[in-house]
Amino acid sequence: MRTNEKIRAREVRVIDENGEQLGVMVPFEALKMARERSLDLVEISPNAVPPVCKIQDYGKYLYEKDKSDRAARKKQKVIVIKEVKFSVTVDEHDYVTKKNMAVRFLGDGDKVKASLRFKGRQMAHRDLGYKIINRLILDIGDAGTVEFMPRMEGTTLHAILAPTKKAEVQNPPAVKKPAAVAPAAPAAAKPAETAPAPVTAQA
């Protein structure tokens, strides 16, 4: 990206820092306008006819661009395919070791290519190769999902496994305990009824 005195076109179409079109002019005049505003003249579309230049703060532009590029890289998920190779004559110990490697790769978020190459007369026993790869798929279980089922390419049988997306386990909401009910206050005792006074008969 050319800036200021490095712009060599005879004429340029100029846009100011506010996005307004200033028209077509020679680079010298455009650069003079940029300098008067303490800004730079930046060639943003060199292949246009005439090239398009913008008056802006080039240092700030580079800072903002670097910031947005770093943010974009953080959002990118780099998917790596790691290969685990088997043979028709693989022994049990070697099989278990490579199966564990595949599980670890999947746990790290990488894809796994399980491949098995047939040599010479082994091509007549391709069913043995399919048994090994299918066993691997079953043994991996929930650690991965089959992206490409086992298939032959030349003398090699292979399958692609992808990591399983782990569902987020949400904690169940806490059950609110019912508020304790205060015991009812005992009813006040009624006052004892006073017996009527005896009436004395007069002579």
N, C-alpha and C. Protein backbone atom coordinates (compact mmCIF):
# COMPACT_ATOMS: atom_id res chain seq x y z
N MET A 1 0.86 -1.19 0.00
CA MET A 1 0.00 0.00 0.00
C MET A 1 0.89 1.24 0.00
N ARG A 2 0.79 2.01 -1.08
CA ARG A 2 1.65 3.19 -1.21
C ARG A 2 1.02 4.38 -0.47
N THR A 3 1.88 5.21 0.07
CA THR A 3 1.42 6.40 0.79
C THR A 3 2.26 7.61 0.40
N ASN A 4 1.64 8.78 0.52
CA ASN A 4 2.34 10.07 0.38
C ASN A 4 3.19 10.15 -0.89
N GLU A 5 4.51 10.43 -0.74
CA GLU A 5 5.39 10.63 -1.90
C GLU A 5 5.60 9.36 -2.73
N LYS A 6 5.23 8.19 -2.20
CA LYS A 6 5.42 6.94 -2.95
C LYS A 6 4.34 6.72 -4.01
N ILE A 7 3.29 7.54 -4.00
CA ILE A 7 2.23 7.41 -4.99
C ILE A 7 2.72 8.01 -6.30
N ARG A 8 2.76 7.21 -7.37
CA ARG A 8 3.37 7.62 -8.63
C ARG A 8 2.38 7.88 -9.75
N ALA A 9 1.10 7.73 -9.52
CA ALA A 9 0.12 7.94 -10.59
C ALA A 9 0.09 9.42 -11.01
N ARG A 10 -0.29 9.65 -12.27
CA ARG A 10 -0.38 11.04 -12.75
C ARG A 10 -1.54 11.77 -12.09
N GLU A 11 -2.65 11.06 -11.96
CA GLU A 11 -3.83 11.63 -11.33
C GLU A 11 -4.41 10.61 -10.35
N VAL A 12 -5.08 11.11 -9.35
CA VAL A 12 -5.73 10.23 -8.37
C VAL A 12 -7.10 10.80 -8.02
N ARG A 13 -7.99 9.88 -7.69
CA ARG A 13 -9.30 10.29 -7.19
C ARG A 13 -9.20 10.33 -5.67
N VAL A 14 -9.58 11.44 -5.07
CA VAL A 14 -9.31 11.65 -3.65
C VAL A 14 -10.60 11.62 -2.83
N ILE A 15 -10.50 10.93 -1.70
CA ILE A 15 -11.58 10.89 -0.71
C ILE A 15 -11.01 11.45 0.59
N ASP A 16 -11.75 12.34 1.23
CA ASP A 16 -11.21 12.91 2.47
C ASP A 16 -11.47 12.00 3.66
N GLU A 17 -11.04 12.46 4.83
CA GLU A 17 -11.14 11.63 6.04
C GLU A 17 -12.58 11.37 6.47
N ASN A 18 -13.52 12.16 5.94
CA ASN A 18 -14.94 11.96 6.28
C ASN A 18 -15.69 11.16 5.23
N GLY A 19 -14.96 10.67 4.21
CA GLY A 19 -15.58 9.87 3.16
C GLY A 19 -16.16 10.69 2.02
N GLU A 20 -15.88 11.98 2.00
CA GLU A 20 -16.42 12.85 0.94
C GLU A 20 -15.49 12.82 -0.27
N GLN A 21 -16.10 12.80 -1.47
CA GLN A 21 -15.33 12.81 -2.71
C GLN A 21 -14.80 14.22 -2.97
N LEU A 22 -13.50 14.31 -3.19
CA LEU A 22 -12.88 15.61 -3.47
C LEU A 22 -12.54 15.76 -4.95
N GLY A 23 -12.78 14.72 -5.74
CA GLY A 23 -12.54 14.80 -7.17
C GLY A 23 -11.18 14.25 -7.58
N VAL A 24 -10.85 14.45 -8.87
CA VAL A 24 -9.60 13.96 -9.44
C VAL A 24 -8.59 15.10 -9.46
N MET A 25 -7.37 14.79 -9.03
CA MET A 25 -6.31 15.80 -9.01
C MET A 25 -4.96 15.12 -9.07
N VAL A 26 -3.91 15.91 -9.21
CA VAL A 26 -2.57 15.34 -9.24
C VAL A 26 -2.17 15.01 -7.80
N PRO A 27 -1.33 13.98 -7.61
CA PRO A 27 -0.95 13.56 -6.26
C PRO A 27 -0.34 14.69 -5.43
N PHE A 28 0.38 15.61 -6.08
CA PHE A 28 1.00 16.69 -5.33
C PHE A 28 -0.05 17.53 -4.60
N GLU A 29 -1.15 17.87 -5.31
CA GLU A 29 -2.20 18.67 -4.69
C GLU A 29 -2.89 17.88 -3.57
N ALA A 30 -3.14 16.61 -3.82
CA ALA A 30 -3.80 15.78 -2.81
C ALA A 30 -2.92 15.65 -1.56
N LEU A 31 -1.62 15.48 -1.78
CA LEU A 31 -0.71 15.35 -0.64
C LEU A 31 -0.64 16.66 0.14
N LYS A 32 -0.69 17.77 -0.57
CA LYS A 32 -0.66 19.08 0.09
C LYS A 32 -1.88 19.24 0.99
N MET A 33 -3.06 18.80 0.50
CA MET A 33 -4.28 18.87 1.31
C MET A 33 -4.14 17.98 2.55
N ALA A 34 -3.56 16.82 2.37
CA ALA A 34 -3.39 15.90 3.50
C ALA A 34 -2.45 16.49 4.55
N ARG A 35 -1.36 17.11 4.09
CA ARG A 35 -0.41 17.70 5.02
C ARG A 35 -1.04 18.86 5.79
N GLU A 36 -1.88 19.62 5.13
CA GLU A 36 -2.54 20.74 5.80
C GLU A 36 -3.44 20.26 6.93
N ARG A 37 -3.91 19.02 6.82
CA ARG A 37 -4.78 18.45 7.86
C ARG A 37 -4.00 17.54 8.81
N SER A 38 -2.68 17.54 8.67
CA SER A 38 -1.80 16.69 9.50
C SER A 38 -2.15 15.22 9.33
N LEU A 39 -2.47 14.83 8.09
CA LEU A 39 -2.83 13.44 7.78
C LEU A 39 -1.97 12.94 6.63
N ASP A 40 -2.25 11.72 6.20
CA ASP A 40 -1.49 11.09 5.12
C ASP A 40 -2.39 10.87 3.92
N LEU A 41 -1.75 10.71 2.76
CA LEU A 41 -2.45 10.34 1.55
C LEU A 41 -2.17 8.86 1.30
N VAL A 42 -3.21 8.03 1.32
CA VAL A 42 -3.06 6.58 1.24
C VAL A 42 -3.75 6.07 -0.01
N GLU A 43 -3.04 5.30 -0.82
CA GLU A 43 -3.60 4.71 -2.03
C GLU A 43 -4.36 3.45 -1.65
N ILE A 44 -5.70 3.50 -1.72
CA ILE A 44 -6.51 2.37 -1.26
C ILE A 44 -7.00 1.48 -2.40
N SER A 45 -7.04 2.01 -3.64
CA SER A 45 -7.44 1.22 -4.80
C SER A 45 -6.49 1.51 -5.96
N PRO A 46 -5.32 0.85 -5.96
CA PRO A 46 -4.30 1.16 -6.97
C PRO A 46 -4.69 0.74 -8.39
N ASN A 47 -5.62 -0.24 -8.51
CA ASN A 47 -5.98 -0.74 -9.84
C ASN A 47 -7.13 0.02 -10.48
N ALA A 48 -7.71 0.96 -9.75
CA ALA A 48 -8.78 1.77 -10.32
C ALA A 48 -8.20 2.78 -11.31
N VAL A 49 -9.05 3.30 -12.19
CA VAL A 49 -8.61 4.31 -13.17
C VAL A 49 -9.45 5.57 -12.99
N PRO A 50 -8.87 6.65 -12.44
CA PRO A 50 -7.53 6.69 -11.85
C PRO A 50 -7.51 6.04 -10.47
N PRO A 51 -6.31 5.76 -9.92
CA PRO A 51 -6.23 5.15 -8.58
C PRO A 51 -6.96 6.02 -7.54
N VAL A 52 -7.51 5.34 -6.54
CA VAL A 52 -8.25 6.04 -5.49
C VAL A 52 -7.36 6.19 -4.27
N CYS A 53 -7.30 7.40 -3.76
CA CYS A 53 -6.51 7.68 -2.55
C CYS A 53 -7.41 8.29 -1.49
N LYS A 54 -7.06 8.02 -0.25
CA LYS A 54 -7.84 8.55 0.86
C LYS A 54 -6.94 9.34 1.81
N ILE A 55 -7.45 10.47 2.26
CA ILE A 55 -6.74 11.26 3.26
C ILE A 55 -7.10 10.71 4.64
N GLN A 56 -6.11 10.21 5.35
CA GLN A 56 -6.38 9.61 6.65
C GLN A 56 -5.08 9.52 7.46
N ASP A 57 -5.25 9.13 8.72
CA ASP A 57 -4.10 8.91 9.59
C ASP A 57 -3.60 7.50 9.33
N TYR A 58 -2.49 7.37 8.61
CA TYR A 58 -2.01 6.04 8.20
C TYR A 58 -1.59 5.20 9.40
N GLY A 59 -0.97 5.81 10.40
CA GLY A 59 -0.57 5.07 11.59
C GLY A 59 -1.78 4.49 12.32
N LYS A 60 -2.83 5.29 12.44
CA LYS A 60 -4.05 4.82 13.09
C LYS A 60 -4.71 3.72 12.26
N TYR A 61 -4.64 3.89 10.92
CA TYR A 61 -5.21 2.87 10.03
C TYR A 61 -4.52 1.53 10.23
N LEU A 62 -3.18 1.53 10.30
CA LEU A 62 -2.44 0.29 10.50
C LEU A 62 -2.76 -0.33 11.86
N TYR A 63 -2.91 0.51 12.88
CA TYR A 63 -3.23 0.01 14.22
C TYR A 63 -4.60 -0.67 14.23
N GLU A 64 -5.59 -0.01 13.62
CA GLU A 64 -6.95 -0.57 13.59
C GLU A 64 -6.98 -1.85 12.77
N LYS A 65 -6.23 -1.88 11.66
CA LYS A 65 -6.20 -3.08 10.82
C LYS A 65 -5.56 -4.25 11.56
N ASP A 66 -4.46 -3.98 12.25
CA ASP A 66 -3.80 -5.04 13.02
C ASP A 66 -4.70 -5.55 14.13
N LYS A 67 -5.43 -4.64 14.75
CA LYS A 67 -6.34 -5.02 15.83
C LYS A 67 -7.47 -5.91 15.31
N SER A 68 -8.04 -5.54 14.16
CA SER A 68 -9.13 -6.35 13.59
C SER A 68 -8.62 -7.69 13.08
N ASP A 69 -7.38 -7.72 12.54
CA ASP A 69 -6.82 -8.99 12.07
C ASP A 69 -6.57 -9.94 13.23
N ARG A 70 -6.09 -9.41 14.35
CA ARG A 70 -5.85 -10.26 15.52
C ARG A 70 -7.16 -10.79 16.09
N ALA A 71 -8.20 -9.97 16.06
CA ALA A 71 -9.51 -10.42 16.55
C ALA A 71 -10.06 -11.51 15.63
N ALA A 72 -9.84 -11.37 14.33
CA ALA A 72 -10.32 -12.37 13.39
C ALA A 72 -9.58 -13.70 13.57
N ARG A 73 -8.26 -13.61 13.83
CA ARG A 73 -7.48 -14.84 14.03
C ARG A 73 -7.91 -15.58 15.29
N LYS A 74 -8.30 -14.84 16.31
CA LYS A 74 -8.75 -15.48 17.54
C LYS A 74 -10.03 -16.27 17.32
N LYS A 75 -10.88 -15.79 16.41
CA LYS A 75 -12.15 -16.46 16.16
C LYS A 75 -11.99 -17.68 15.27
N GLN A 76 -10.87 -17.75 14.55
CA GLN A 76 -10.66 -18.86 13.64
C GLN A 76 -10.29 -20.12 14.41
N LYS A 77 -10.89 -21.22 14.01
CA LYS A 77 -10.57 -22.52 14.60
C LYS A 77 -9.77 -23.30 13.58
N VAL A 78 -8.50 -23.54 13.90
CA VAL A 78 -7.62 -24.28 12.99
C VAL A 78 -7.86 -25.77 13.21
N ILE A 79 -8.33 -26.43 12.15
CA ILE A 79 -8.61 -27.86 12.24
C ILE A 79 -7.42 -28.63 11.67
N VAL A 80 -6.85 -29.50 12.49
CA VAL A 80 -5.70 -30.31 12.09
C VAL A 80 -6.15 -31.76 11.94
N ILE A 81 -5.70 -32.39 10.85
CA ILE A 81 -6.00 -33.81 10.65
C ILE A 81 -4.73 -34.59 10.97
N LYS A 82 -4.83 -35.44 11.97
CA LYS A 82 -3.69 -36.27 12.36
C LYS A 82 -3.96 -37.72 11.95
N GLU A 83 -2.92 -38.34 11.43
CA GLU A 83 -3.08 -39.68 10.88
C GLU A 83 -2.59 -40.75 11.85
N VAL A 84 -3.36 -41.82 11.92
CA VAL A 84 -2.98 -43.00 12.70
C VAL A 84 -2.94 -44.17 11.73
N LYS A 85 -1.78 -44.78 11.58
CA LYS A 85 -1.61 -45.83 10.57
C LYS A 85 -1.64 -47.22 11.20
N PHE A 86 -2.34 -48.11 10.51
CA PHE A 86 -2.43 -49.51 10.93
C PHE A 86 -1.93 -50.40 9.80
N SER A 87 -1.73 -51.65 10.14
CA SER A 87 -1.41 -52.66 9.13
C SER A 87 -2.33 -53.85 9.33
N VAL A 88 -2.43 -54.68 8.30
CA VAL A 88 -3.30 -55.85 8.41
C VAL A 88 -2.82 -56.78 9.52
N THR A 89 -1.52 -56.79 9.77
CA THR A 89 -0.95 -57.71 10.77
C THR A 89 -0.70 -57.02 12.11
N VAL A 90 -1.41 -55.92 12.38
CA VAL A 90 -1.20 -55.20 13.63
C VAL A 90 -1.49 -56.10 14.83
N ASP A 91 -0.60 -56.05 15.84
CA ASP A 91 -0.86 -56.87 17.03
C ASP A 91 -1.73 -56.09 18.02
N GLU A 92 -2.20 -56.75 19.04
CA GLU A 92 -3.15 -56.16 19.97
C GLU A 92 -2.56 -54.95 20.70
N HIS A 93 -1.32 -55.07 21.15
CA HIS A 93 -0.69 -53.97 21.90
C HIS A 93 -0.55 -52.74 21.02
N ASP A 94 -0.11 -52.93 19.79
CA ASP A 94 0.07 -51.80 18.87
C ASP A 94 -1.28 -51.19 18.53
N TYR A 95 -2.29 -52.03 18.38
CA TYR A 95 -3.63 -51.52 18.07
C TYR A 95 -4.14 -50.64 19.21
N VAL A 96 -4.00 -51.11 20.45
CA VAL A 96 -4.50 -50.35 21.61
C VAL A 96 -3.75 -49.01 21.72
N THR A 97 -2.43 -49.04 21.50
CA THR A 97 -1.65 -47.80 21.58
C THR A 97 -2.14 -46.77 20.58
N LYS A 98 -2.37 -47.20 19.35
CA LYS A 98 -2.81 -46.27 18.30
C LYS A 98 -4.25 -45.84 18.51
N LYS A 99 -5.05 -46.73 19.06
CA LYS A 99 -6.44 -46.34 19.37
C LYS A 99 -6.45 -45.25 20.43
N ASN A 100 -5.60 -45.39 21.44
CA ASN A 100 -5.51 -44.36 22.48
C ASN A 100 -5.00 -43.04 21.92
N MET A 101 -4.07 -43.12 20.98
CA MET A 101 -3.60 -41.90 20.32
C MET A 101 -4.75 -41.20 19.60
N ALA A 102 -5.57 -41.97 18.90
CA ALA A 102 -6.70 -41.39 18.17
C ALA A 102 -7.68 -40.72 19.13
N VAL A 103 -7.93 -41.36 20.27
CA VAL A 103 -8.84 -40.78 21.26
C VAL A 103 -8.28 -39.48 21.81
N ARG A 104 -6.95 -39.44 22.04
CA ARG A 104 -6.32 -38.23 22.56
C ARG A 104 -6.39 -37.10 21.53
N PHE A 105 -6.13 -37.41 20.27
CA PHE A 105 -6.22 -36.40 19.22
C PHE A 105 -7.62 -35.82 19.13
N LEU A 106 -8.61 -36.69 19.19
CA LEU A 106 -10.00 -36.23 19.12
C LEU A 106 -10.35 -35.37 20.33
N GLY A 107 -9.83 -35.76 21.49
CA GLY A 107 -10.06 -34.98 22.70
C GLY A 107 -9.44 -33.59 22.63
N ASP A 108 -8.36 -33.45 21.84
CA ASP A 108 -7.72 -32.15 21.66
C ASP A 108 -8.41 -31.30 20.61
N GLY A 109 -9.46 -31.85 19.98
CA GLY A 109 -10.19 -31.09 18.98
C GLY A 109 -9.71 -31.30 17.56
N ASP A 110 -8.80 -32.27 17.34
CA ASP A 110 -8.30 -32.53 15.99
C ASP A 110 -9.07 -33.67 15.34
N LYS A 111 -9.06 -33.69 14.00
CA LYS A 111 -9.64 -34.80 13.28
C LYS A 111 -8.60 -35.91 13.17
N VAL A 112 -9.07 -37.12 12.95
CA VAL A 112 -8.17 -38.27 12.86
C VAL A 112 -8.44 -39.01 11.56
N LYS A 113 -7.35 -39.27 10.83
CA LYS A 113 -7.42 -40.11 9.63
C LYS A 113 -6.84 -41.47 9.99
N ALA A 114 -7.70 -42.46 10.04
CA ALA A 114 -7.25 -43.82 10.31
C ALA A 114 -7.00 -44.50 8.97
N SER A 115 -5.77 -44.89 8.73
CA SER A 115 -5.43 -45.47 7.42
C SER A 115 -4.77 -46.84 7.60
N LEU A 116 -4.99 -47.68 6.61
CA LEU A 116 -4.42 -49.03 6.61
C LEU A 116 -4.01 -49.34 5.17
N ARG A 117 -2.73 -49.61 4.99
CA ARG A 117 -2.22 -49.86 3.65
C ARG A 117 -2.00 -51.36 3.43
N PHE A 118 -2.50 -51.84 2.30
CA PHE A 118 -2.34 -53.24 1.95
C PHE A 118 -1.07 -53.40 1.10
N LYS A 119 -0.32 -54.45 1.39
CA LYS A 119 0.91 -54.70 0.65
C LYS A 119 0.81 -56.04 -0.09
N GLY A 120 1.10 -56.01 -1.37
CA GLY A 120 1.16 -57.24 -2.16
C GLY A 120 -0.09 -58.09 -2.08
N ARG A 121 0.07 -59.31 -1.62
CA ARG A 121 -1.04 -60.27 -1.57
C ARG A 121 -2.10 -59.92 -0.53
N GLN A 122 -1.79 -58.93 0.33
CA GLN A 122 -2.78 -58.54 1.34
C GLN A 122 -4.04 -57.97 0.70
N MET A 123 -3.94 -57.49 -0.55
CA MET A 123 -5.12 -56.94 -1.23
C MET A 123 -6.23 -57.98 -1.38
N ALA A 124 -5.84 -59.25 -1.31
CA ALA A 124 -6.84 -60.31 -1.41
C ALA A 124 -7.60 -60.50 -0.10
N HIS A 125 -7.15 -59.81 0.95
CA HIS A 125 -7.79 -59.95 2.27
C HIS A 125 -8.21 -58.57 2.79
N ARG A 126 -8.86 -57.83 1.92
CA ARG A 126 -9.28 -56.48 2.34
C ARG A 126 -10.29 -56.51 3.47
N ASP A 127 -11.01 -57.62 3.60
CA ASP A 127 -12.00 -57.72 4.67
C ASP A 127 -11.33 -57.60 6.04
N LEU A 128 -10.07 -58.08 6.16
CA LEU A 128 -9.35 -57.96 7.42
C LEU A 128 -9.07 -56.49 7.75
N GLY A 129 -8.76 -55.71 6.73
CA GLY A 129 -8.53 -54.28 6.95
C GLY A 129 -9.79 -53.57 7.39
N TYR A 130 -10.91 -53.90 6.75
CA TYR A 130 -12.18 -53.29 7.14
C TYR A 130 -12.54 -53.63 8.57
N LYS A 131 -12.22 -54.86 9.00
CA LYS A 131 -12.51 -55.25 10.38
C LYS A 131 -11.73 -54.40 11.37
N ILE A 132 -10.47 -54.10 11.05
CA ILE A 132 -9.63 -53.31 11.96
C ILE A 132 -10.15 -51.88 12.05
N ILE A 133 -10.45 -51.27 10.92
CA ILE A 133 -10.92 -49.88 10.93
C ILE A 133 -12.30 -49.79 11.58
N ASN A 134 -13.18 -50.74 11.29
CA ASN A 134 -14.51 -50.72 11.91
C ASN A 134 -14.42 -50.97 13.41
N ARG A 135 -13.48 -51.80 13.83
CA ARG A 135 -13.29 -52.01 15.26
C ARG A 135 -12.84 -50.71 15.93
N LEU A 136 -11.93 -49.99 15.26
CA LEU A 136 -11.47 -48.72 15.81
C LEU A 136 -12.63 -47.75 16.00
N ILE A 137 -13.51 -47.68 15.00
CA ILE A 137 -14.66 -46.77 15.09
C ILE A 137 -15.53 -47.14 16.30
N LEU A 138 -15.76 -48.43 16.50
CA LEU A 138 -16.57 -48.87 17.63
C LEU A 138 -15.88 -48.60 18.96
N ASP A 139 -14.56 -48.84 19.02
CA ASP A 139 -13.82 -48.65 20.27
C ASP A 139 -13.73 -47.18 20.66
N ILE A 140 -13.66 -46.30 19.69
CA ILE A 140 -13.59 -44.87 20.00
C ILE A 140 -14.90 -44.38 20.60
N GLY A 141 -15.99 -44.94 20.15
CA GLY A 141 -17.29 -44.64 20.75
C GLY A 141 -17.68 -43.17 20.66
N ASP A 142 -18.04 -42.60 21.82
CA ASP A 142 -18.54 -41.23 21.88
C ASP A 142 -17.43 -40.18 21.75
N ALA A 143 -16.17 -40.61 21.72
CA ALA A 143 -15.07 -39.65 21.62
C ALA A 143 -15.00 -39.01 20.24
N GLY A 144 -15.60 -39.66 19.23
CA GLY A 144 -15.56 -39.11 17.88
C GLY A 144 -16.74 -39.58 17.05
N THR A 145 -16.94 -38.88 15.95
CA THR A 145 -17.99 -39.26 15.01
C THR A 145 -17.35 -39.53 13.65
N VAL A 146 -17.96 -40.42 12.88
CA VAL A 146 -17.41 -40.79 11.58
C VAL A 146 -17.79 -39.72 10.56
N GLU A 147 -16.79 -39.07 10.01
CA GLU A 147 -17.03 -38.07 8.97
C GLU A 147 -17.02 -38.71 7.59
N PHE A 148 -16.10 -39.66 7.37
CA PHE A 148 -16.06 -40.44 6.13
C PHE A 148 -15.92 -41.90 6.51
N MET A 149 -16.88 -42.70 6.07
CA MET A 149 -16.83 -44.13 6.35
C MET A 149 -15.63 -44.76 5.65
N PRO A 150 -15.17 -45.93 6.14
CA PRO A 150 -14.01 -46.57 5.53
C PRO A 150 -14.19 -46.77 4.02
N ARG A 151 -13.16 -46.40 3.26
CA ARG A 151 -13.22 -46.56 1.81
C ARG A 151 -11.81 -46.73 1.26
N MET A 152 -11.74 -47.36 0.10
CA MET A 152 -10.45 -47.65 -0.52
C MET A 152 -10.05 -46.52 -1.45
N GLU A 153 -8.77 -46.18 -1.40
CA GLU A 153 -8.16 -45.27 -2.36
C GLU A 153 -6.84 -45.90 -2.77
N GLY A 154 -6.83 -46.54 -3.93
CA GLY A 154 -5.64 -47.29 -4.35
C GLY A 154 -5.46 -48.51 -3.48
N THR A 155 -4.32 -48.58 -2.81
CA THR A 155 -4.05 -49.72 -1.92
C THR A 155 -4.23 -49.35 -0.45
N THR A 156 -4.86 -48.21 -0.21
CA THR A 156 -5.03 -47.74 1.18
C THR A 156 -6.51 -47.63 1.54
N LEU A 157 -6.82 -48.17 2.69
CA LEU A 157 -8.16 -48.05 3.26
C LEU A 157 -8.10 -46.99 4.34
N HIS A 158 -9.02 -46.05 4.32
CA HIS A 158 -8.98 -45.03 5.36
C HIS A 158 -10.38 -44.54 5.71
N ALA A 159 -10.46 -43.94 6.89
CA ALA A 159 -11.69 -43.34 7.39
C ALA A 159 -11.30 -42.05 8.12
N ILE A 160 -12.22 -41.09 8.13
CA ILE A 160 -11.97 -39.82 8.81
C ILE A 160 -12.90 -39.72 10.00
N LEU A 161 -12.34 -39.43 11.17
CA LEU A 161 -13.12 -39.26 12.40
C LEU A 161 -13.00 -37.81 12.86
N ALA A 162 -14.11 -37.25 13.30
CA ALA A 162 -14.13 -35.87 13.79
C ALA A 162 -14.46 -35.87 15.27
N PRO A 163 -13.95 -34.88 16.00
CA PRO A 163 -14.26 -34.81 17.44
C PRO A 163 -15.73 -34.56 17.68
N THR A 164 -16.23 -35.12 18.74
CA THR A 164 -17.62 -34.93 19.10
C THR A 164 -17.79 -33.60 19.80
N LYS A 165 -18.82 -32.86 19.41
CA LYS A 165 -19.09 -31.59 20.09
C LYS A 165 -19.70 -31.90 21.44
N LYS A 166 -19.00 -31.45 22.46
CA LYS A 166 -19.47 -31.72 23.82
C LYS A 166 -20.60 -30.79 24.18
N ALA A 167 -21.69 -31.37 24.55
CA ALA A 167 -22.83 -30.55 24.96
C ALA A 167 -22.55 -29.95 26.31
N GLU A 168 -22.86 -28.71 26.43
CA GLU A 168 -22.64 -28.02 27.70
C GLU A 168 -23.66 -28.51 28.72
N VAL A 169 -23.14 -28.96 29.83
CA VAL A 169 -24.03 -29.45 30.89
C VAL A 169 -24.40 -28.28 31.78
N GLN A 170 -25.65 -27.99 31.80
CA GLN A 170 -26.11 -26.87 32.60
C GLN A 170 -26.56 -27.37 33.96
N ASN A 171 -26.17 -26.66 34.97
CA ASN A 171 -26.60 -27.02 36.32
C ASN A 171 -28.09 -26.79 36.45
N PRO A 172 -28.80 -27.76 36.97
CA PRO A 172 -30.24 -27.55 37.13
C PRO A 172 -30.49 -26.42 38.10
N PRO A 173 -31.54 -25.65 37.86
CA PRO A 173 -31.82 -24.53 38.75
C PRO A 173 -32.11 -25.02 40.16
N ALA A 174 -31.63 -24.27 41.11
CA ALA A 174 -31.83 -24.65 42.51
C ALA A 174 -33.31 -24.60 42.86
N VAL A 175 -33.73 -25.62 43.56
CA VAL A 175 -35.13 -25.68 43.97
C VAL A 175 -35.31 -24.84 45.22
N LYS A 176 -36.22 -23.90 45.13
CA LYS A 176 -36.45 -23.03 46.28
C LYS A 176 -37.22 -23.78 47.35
N LYS A 177 -36.68 -23.72 48.54
CA LYS A 177 -37.37 -24.36 49.65
C LYS A 177 -38.53 -23.48 50.10
N PRO A 178 -39.68 -24.11 50.40
CA PRO A 178 -40.80 -23.30 50.86
C PRO A 178 -40.47 -22.61 52.17
N ALA A 179 -40.92 -21.40 52.29
CA ALA A 179 -40.64 -20.64 53.51
C ALA A 179 -41.27 -21.33 54.70
N ALA A 180 -40.53 -21.32 55.80
CA ALA A 180 -41.05 -21.96 57.00
C ALA A 180 -42.26 -21.20 57.51
N VAL A 181 -43.27 -21.94 57.84
CA VAL A 181 -44.51 -21.32 58.34
C VAL A 181 -44.42 -21.23 59.86
N ALA A 182 -44.56 -20.04 60.37
CA ALA A 182 -44.49 -19.85 61.82
C ALA A 182 -45.69 -20.51 62.46
N PRO A 183 -45.47 -21.21 63.60
CA PRO A 183 -46.61 -21.86 64.26
C PRO A 183 -47.60 -20.81 64.74
N ALA A 184 -48.87 -21.18 64.62
CA ALA A 184 -49.93 -20.24 65.03
C ALA A 184 -49.85 -20.01 66.53
N ALA A 185 -50.05 -18.76 66.90
CA ALA A 185 -50.01 -18.41 68.32
C ALA A 185 -51.19 -19.05 69.02
N PRO A 186 -50.99 -19.60 70.22
CA PRO A 186 -52.13 -20.23 70.93
C PRO A 186 -53.22 -19.21 71.23
N ALA A 187 -54.45 -19.67 71.09
CA ALA A 187 -55.58 -18.76 71.34
C ALA A 187 -55.58 -18.32 72.80
N ALA A 188 -55.89 -17.07 73.01
CA ALA A 188 -55.91 -16.54 74.38
C ALA A 188 -57.02 -17.23 75.17
N ALA A 189 -56.72 -17.57 76.40
CA ALA A 189 -57.72 -18.25 77.23
C ALA A 189 -58.83 -17.29 77.59
N LYS A 190 -60.04 -17.78 77.42
CA LYS A 190 -61.17 -16.94 77.75
C LYS A 190 -61.25 -16.77 79.27
N PRO A 191 -61.61 -15.58 79.76
CA PRO A 191 -61.72 -15.40 81.23
C PRO A 191 -62.85 -16.24 81.80
N ALA A 192 -62.64 -16.78 82.95
CA ALA A 192 -63.67 -17.63 83.56
C ALA A 192 -64.91 -16.80 83.86
N GLU A 193 -66.06 -17.43 83.54
CA GLU A 193 -67.31 -16.72 83.79
C GLU A 193 -67.55 -16.62 85.31
N THR A 194 -67.91 -15.41 85.77
CA THR A 194 -68.11 -15.20 87.22
C THR A 194 -69.54 -15.64 87.59
N ALA A 195 -69.60 -16.51 88.56
CA ALA A 195 -70.93 -16.98 88.99
C ALA A 195 -71.73 -15.82 89.60
N PRO A 196 -73.00 -15.74 89.34
CA PRO A 196 -73.81 -14.63 89.89
C PRO A 196 -73.86 -14.71 91.42
N ALA A 197 -73.85 -13.55 92.02
CA ALA A 197 -73.88 -13.51 93.49
C ALA A 197 -75.21 -14.02 94.01
N PRO A 198 -75.21 -14.79 95.12
CA PRO A 198 -76.48 -15.33 95.66
C PRO A 198 -77.38 -14.18 96.16
N VAL A 199 -78.67 -14.36 95.93
CA VAL A 199 -79.66 -13.34 96.34
C VAL A 199 -80.15 -13.68 97.74
N THR A 200 -80.07 -12.71 98.69
CA THR A 200 -80.50 -12.96 100.06
C THR A 200 -81.97 -12.52 100.20
N ALA A 201 -82.77 -13.46 100.68
CA ALA A 201 -84.21 -13.14 100.86
C ALA A 201 -84.39 -12.25 102.08
N GLN A 202 -85.21 -11.19 101.92
CA GLN A 202 -85.47 -10.29 103.03
C GLN A 202 -86.78 -10.69 103.73
N ALA A 203 -86.79 -10.55 105.05
CA ALA A 203 -87.97 -10.92 105.83
C ALA A 203 -89.04 -9.87 105.62
